[in-house]
Amino acid sequence: MRELKTVTHSDHPMPAAGRIWVVDEAELTELPDSTLGMSWAEGTRIHRAIANAICGTPEQLTAEELEFLCDITDTAYADVARELGLNKSTVTNWRKKGEVAKRSDSSRLKRWFWFKLFGE
């Protein structure tokens, strides 16, 4: 059995939340066929870092960022609507329009998701 080698890849491109993020360093595993793969733990670490970056910006939350945050926290759009006291169809319309309608809702959701991921 061949020992798998870990390779540190600098400036690794990572697609998430509707754009390509550049990760300073990613730990990749060289597979038996010489391709590089990412472990579940490394992918989770990078996704959490991306979520932290999204939640820490003052920009309006995009629909793709909202979908990404929902995916990594296993949160349904119905839960997002309940958190804001809105109808689920409102959140669905945000997805169609491409962004969260109000800046105040965007800021509140960023704080909520940040605490879901890092608050405890």
Protein backbone atom coordinates (compact mmCIF):
# COMPACT_ATOMS: atom_id res chain seq x y z
CA MET A 1 0.00 0.00 0.00
CA ARG A 2 1.37 3.35 -1.06
CA GLU A 3 1.59 6.17 1.49
CA LEU A 4 -0.30 9.25 0.29
CA LYS A 5 1.75 12.43 0.24
CA THR A 6 0.42 15.79 1.45
CA VAL A 7 1.29 18.82 -0.65
CA THR A 8 0.91 22.45 0.41
CA HIS A 9 -0.52 24.41 -2.49
CA SER A 10 -0.12 28.21 -2.38
CA ASP A 11 -2.72 30.56 -3.84
CA HIS A 12 -5.18 27.72 -4.38
CA PRO A 13 -8.36 28.75 -6.27
CA MET A 14 -11.57 27.67 -4.50
CA PRO A 15 -14.99 28.25 -6.09
CA ALA A 16 -17.63 29.18 -3.51
CA ALA A 17 -20.53 31.60 -3.10
CA GLY A 18 -20.58 32.59 -6.75
CA ARG A 19 -16.92 33.51 -7.16
CA ILE A 20 -13.39 32.16 -7.01
CA TRP A 21 -11.58 32.69 -3.72
CA VAL A 22 -7.81 32.44 -3.54
CA VAL A 23 -6.70 30.46 -0.49
CA ASP A 24 -3.21 31.37 0.74
CA GLU A 25 -2.36 27.75 1.53
CA ALA A 26 -4.33 24.56 1.01
CA GLU A 27 -3.22 21.10 2.11
CA LEU A 28 -3.85 18.73 -0.79
CA THR A 29 -3.27 14.99 -1.00
CA GLU A 30 -1.46 13.43 -3.92
CA LEU A 31 -3.59 10.48 -4.99
CA PRO A 32 -2.25 7.20 -6.48
CA ASP A 33 -2.98 8.48 -10.02
CA SER A 34 -0.91 11.64 -9.27
CA THR A 35 -3.94 13.94 -9.17
CA LEU A 36 -4.42 16.21 -6.17
CA GLY A 37 -7.43 15.93 -3.89
CA MET A 38 -8.67 17.81 -0.87
CA SER A 39 -9.66 16.14 2.37
CA TRP A 40 -13.08 16.75 3.87
CA ALA A 41 -11.43 18.45 6.87
CA GLU A 42 -9.43 20.81 4.66
CA GLY A 43 -12.49 21.66 2.58
CA THR A 44 -14.45 22.37 5.75
CA ARG A 45 -11.65 24.57 7.10
CA ILE A 46 -11.55 26.59 3.89
CA HIS A 47 -15.34 26.90 3.68
CA ARG A 48 -15.46 28.20 7.25
CA ALA A 49 -12.79 30.77 6.38
CA ILE A 50 -14.81 31.87 3.35
CA ALA A 51 -17.95 32.14 5.51
CA ASN A 52 -16.02 34.25 8.01
CA ALA A 53 -14.87 36.54 5.19
CA ILE A 54 -18.43 36.88 3.83
CA CYS A 55 -19.87 37.62 7.26
CA GLY A 56 -17.16 40.18 7.99
CA THR A 57 -17.72 42.44 5.00
CA PRO A 58 -19.97 45.50 4.93
CA GLU A 59 -21.27 44.70 1.43
CA GLN A 60 -24.82 43.58 0.77
CA LEU A 61 -25.23 39.81 1.00
CA THR A 62 -25.72 38.27 -2.45
CA ALA A 63 -28.12 35.43 -3.12
CA GLU A 64 -25.17 33.13 -3.89
CA GLU A 65 -23.52 34.03 -0.57
CA LEU A 66 -26.81 33.39 1.24
CA GLU A 67 -27.10 30.00 -0.45
CA PHE A 68 -23.48 29.17 0.49
CA LEU A 69 -24.07 30.15 4.14
CA CYS A 70 -27.28 28.10 4.23
CA ASP A 71 -25.46 25.10 2.74
CA ILE A 72 -22.55 25.06 5.17
CA THR A 73 -24.80 25.59 8.20
CA ASP A 74 -27.51 23.19 6.98
CA THR A 75 -30.07 26.01 7.21
CA ALA A 76 -33.29 26.01 5.18
CA TYR A 77 -34.63 29.18 3.57
CA ALA A 78 -37.70 28.75 5.78
CA ASP A 79 -35.39 29.14 8.81
CA VAL A 80 -33.91 32.31 7.31
CA ALA A 81 -37.42 33.70 6.77
CA ARG A 82 -38.40 32.85 10.37
CA GLU A 83 -35.26 34.51 11.74
CA LEU A 84 -36.20 37.75 9.96
CA GLY A 85 -39.95 37.46 10.52
CA LEU A 86 -40.63 37.21 6.78
CA ASN A 87 -42.58 34.94 4.50
CA LYS A 88 -40.49 32.20 2.84
CA SER A 89 -41.52 33.54 -0.58
CA THR A 90 -39.65 36.78 0.20
CA VAL A 91 -36.41 34.84 0.68
CA THR A 92 -37.12 32.88 -2.51
CA ASN A 93 -37.54 36.18 -4.39
CA TRP A 94 -34.13 37.33 -3.13
CA ARG A 95 -32.66 34.28 -4.81
CA LYS A 96 -34.31 35.25 -8.11
CA LYS A 97 -33.15 38.89 -7.82
CA GLY A 98 -29.61 37.96 -6.82
CA GLU A 99 -29.35 39.79 -3.49
CA VAL A 100 -30.93 40.28 -0.09
CA ALA A 101 -33.43 43.13 -0.42
CA LYS A 102 -32.53 45.26 2.61
CA ARG A 103 -29.09 46.13 3.95
CA SER A 104 -30.42 45.70 7.51
CA ASP A 105 -31.60 42.15 6.71
CA SER A 106 -28.22 41.43 5.13
CA SER A 107 -26.32 42.63 8.21
CA ARG A 108 -28.59 40.70 10.56
CA LEU A 109 -28.18 37.50 8.54
CA LYS A 110 -24.39 37.86 8.46
CA ARG A 111 -24.32 38.15 12.26
CA TRP A 112 -26.74 35.21 12.64
CA PHE A 113 -24.72 32.93 10.37
CA TRP A 114 -21.45 33.98 12.00
CA PHE A 115 -22.81 32.98 15.42
CA LYS A 116 -24.16 29.72 14.00
CA LEU A 117 -20.64 28.88 12.80
CA PHE A 118 -18.34 30.43 15.40
CA GLY A 119 -20.43 31.64 18.34
CA GLU A 120 -20.04 28.75 20.75
